[in-house]
N, C-alpha and C. Protein backbone atom coordinates (compact mmCIF):
# COMPACT_ATOMS: atom_id res chain seq x y z
N MET A 1 -49.03 -55.94 69.75
CA MET A 1 -49.19 -54.81 70.59
C MET A 1 -48.88 -53.47 69.79
N VAL A 2 -47.83 -53.57 68.91
CA VAL A 2 -47.44 -52.39 68.13
C VAL A 2 -48.58 -52.07 67.11
N LYS A 3 -49.09 -53.11 66.47
CA LYS A 3 -50.15 -52.96 65.50
C LYS A 3 -51.50 -52.41 66.17
N ASP A 4 -51.67 -52.66 67.39
CA ASP A 4 -52.82 -52.13 68.10
C ASP A 4 -52.78 -50.61 68.12
N VAL A 5 -51.53 -50.06 68.23
CA VAL A 5 -51.38 -48.60 68.34
C VAL A 5 -51.35 -48.01 66.94
N LEU A 6 -50.50 -48.64 66.02
CA LEU A 6 -50.31 -48.10 64.68
C LEU A 6 -51.29 -48.47 63.59
N GLY A 7 -52.14 -49.51 63.89
CA GLY A 7 -53.15 -49.95 62.95
C GLY A 7 -52.72 -51.18 62.21
N PRO A 8 -53.75 -52.02 61.78
CA PRO A 8 -53.44 -53.31 61.21
C PRO A 8 -52.77 -53.24 59.85
N ASP A 9 -52.89 -52.15 59.09
CA ASP A 9 -52.27 -52.07 57.70
C ASP A 9 -50.81 -51.54 57.78
N THR A 10 -50.32 -51.32 59.00
CA THR A 10 -48.90 -50.79 59.10
C THR A 10 -47.85 -51.93 58.93
N VAL A 11 -46.99 -51.68 58.01
CA VAL A 11 -45.84 -52.56 57.84
C VAL A 11 -44.66 -52.19 58.80
N ILE A 12 -44.22 -53.15 59.65
CA ILE A 12 -43.23 -52.89 60.63
C ILE A 12 -42.04 -53.79 60.46
N ALA A 13 -40.82 -53.42 60.87
CA ALA A 13 -39.70 -54.21 60.93
C ALA A 13 -38.94 -53.84 62.15
N GLY A 14 -38.19 -54.82 62.74
CA GLY A 14 -37.48 -54.58 63.93
C GLY A 14 -36.80 -55.85 64.45
N PHE A 15 -36.25 -55.76 65.58
CA PHE A 15 -35.64 -56.94 66.21
C PHE A 15 -35.71 -56.83 67.78
N TYR A 16 -35.52 -57.92 68.39
CA TYR A 16 -35.56 -58.07 69.82
C TYR A 16 -34.09 -58.49 70.22
N SER A 17 -33.55 -57.88 71.21
CA SER A 17 -32.13 -58.15 71.51
C SER A 17 -32.04 -58.37 73.05
N TYR A 18 -31.16 -59.34 73.41
CA TYR A 18 -30.90 -59.75 74.78
C TYR A 18 -29.70 -58.91 75.39
N GLY A 19 -29.59 -57.72 74.93
CA GLY A 19 -28.51 -56.81 75.65
C GLY A 19 -28.13 -55.71 74.67
N GLU A 20 -27.95 -54.60 75.30
CA GLU A 20 -27.41 -53.33 74.64
C GLU A 20 -26.67 -52.62 75.64
N ILE A 21 -25.55 -52.09 75.25
CA ILE A 21 -24.63 -51.36 76.18
C ILE A 21 -24.71 -49.89 75.67
N SER A 22 -25.27 -49.04 76.60
CA SER A 22 -25.43 -47.58 76.26
C SER A 22 -25.61 -46.89 77.58
N PRO A 23 -25.50 -45.53 77.58
CA PRO A 23 -25.71 -44.75 78.85
C PRO A 23 -27.25 -44.58 79.03
N LEU A 24 -27.64 -44.44 80.20
CA LEU A 24 -29.02 -44.22 80.52
C LEU A 24 -29.37 -42.70 80.26
N ARG A 25 -28.39 -41.79 80.51
CA ARG A 25 -28.60 -40.39 80.21
C ARG A 25 -27.36 -39.92 79.39
N PRO A 26 -27.42 -38.88 78.65
CA PRO A 26 -26.33 -38.34 77.78
C PRO A 26 -25.06 -38.09 78.77
N PHE A 27 -23.98 -38.58 78.30
CA PHE A 27 -22.71 -38.39 78.91
C PHE A 27 -22.52 -39.15 80.20
N ASP A 28 -23.41 -40.09 80.52
CA ASP A 28 -23.34 -41.11 81.66
C ASP A 28 -22.41 -42.16 81.33
N ASN A 29 -21.95 -42.98 82.30
CA ASN A 29 -21.28 -44.20 81.95
C ASN A 29 -22.19 -45.19 81.29
N CYS A 30 -21.61 -46.00 80.48
CA CYS A 30 -22.45 -47.09 79.80
C CYS A 30 -22.78 -48.23 80.72
N VAL A 31 -24.03 -48.69 80.56
CA VAL A 31 -24.55 -49.80 81.43
C VAL A 31 -25.22 -50.77 80.49
N LEU A 32 -25.39 -52.10 80.93
CA LEU A 32 -26.08 -53.10 80.12
C LEU A 32 -27.57 -52.93 80.32
N HIS A 33 -28.33 -52.79 79.22
CA HIS A 33 -29.75 -52.98 79.26
C HIS A 33 -30.01 -54.35 78.86
N ASN A 34 -30.77 -55.04 79.78
CA ASN A 34 -30.97 -56.46 79.68
C ASN A 34 -31.65 -56.86 78.43
N GLN A 35 -32.77 -56.25 78.12
CA GLN A 35 -33.57 -56.55 76.88
C GLN A 35 -33.98 -55.21 76.18
N THR A 36 -33.96 -55.20 74.83
CA THR A 36 -34.22 -54.05 74.11
C THR A 36 -34.98 -54.46 72.81
N ILE A 37 -35.87 -53.64 72.43
CA ILE A 37 -36.73 -53.76 71.26
C ILE A 37 -36.52 -52.64 70.43
N THR A 38 -36.21 -52.81 69.09
CA THR A 38 -36.04 -51.74 68.13
C THR A 38 -37.07 -51.94 67.09
N ILE A 39 -37.86 -50.85 66.83
CA ILE A 39 -38.99 -50.95 65.84
C ILE A 39 -38.73 -49.83 64.81
N THR A 40 -38.83 -50.14 63.61
CA THR A 40 -38.68 -49.14 62.46
C THR A 40 -40.05 -49.04 61.74
N THR A 41 -40.53 -47.89 61.69
CA THR A 41 -41.84 -47.63 60.90
C THR A 41 -41.57 -46.65 59.75
N ILE A 42 -42.19 -46.85 58.63
CA ILE A 42 -42.02 -46.01 57.42
C ILE A 42 -43.46 -45.61 57.04
N ASN A 43 -43.67 -44.36 56.69
CA ASN A 43 -44.99 -43.92 56.37
C ASN A 43 -44.87 -43.34 54.95
N GLU A 44 -45.77 -43.65 54.07
CA GLU A 44 -45.81 -43.11 52.75
C GLU A 44 -47.08 -42.35 52.56
N ILE A 45 -46.92 -41.16 52.13
CA ILE A 45 -48.12 -40.27 51.89
C ILE A 45 -48.33 -40.16 50.39
N THR A 46 -49.48 -40.44 49.86
CA THR A 46 -49.80 -40.38 48.48
C THR A 46 -50.29 -39.00 48.10
N GLN A 47 -50.45 -38.75 46.81
CA GLN A 47 -50.75 -37.40 46.37
C GLN A 47 -52.23 -37.00 46.83
N ASN A 48 -53.09 -38.00 46.94
CA ASN A 48 -54.46 -37.61 47.34
C ASN A 48 -54.61 -37.65 48.85
N GLY A 49 -53.53 -37.80 49.57
CA GLY A 49 -53.57 -37.72 51.12
C GLY A 49 -54.02 -38.96 51.70
N ASN A 50 -54.20 -40.06 51.07
CA ASN A 50 -54.51 -41.32 51.75
C ASN A 50 -53.34 -42.24 51.84
């Protein structure tokens, strides 16, 4: 699904978690988010723009 948006040549890294504790809004109380996905993307631009 991620490569459908970013393209097939995109290198991705990340993880799937069964829980994260953080606020829903800044300065709110922390709550448990049942499932979380973290994705890291890195883009390299060459000198010729490709």
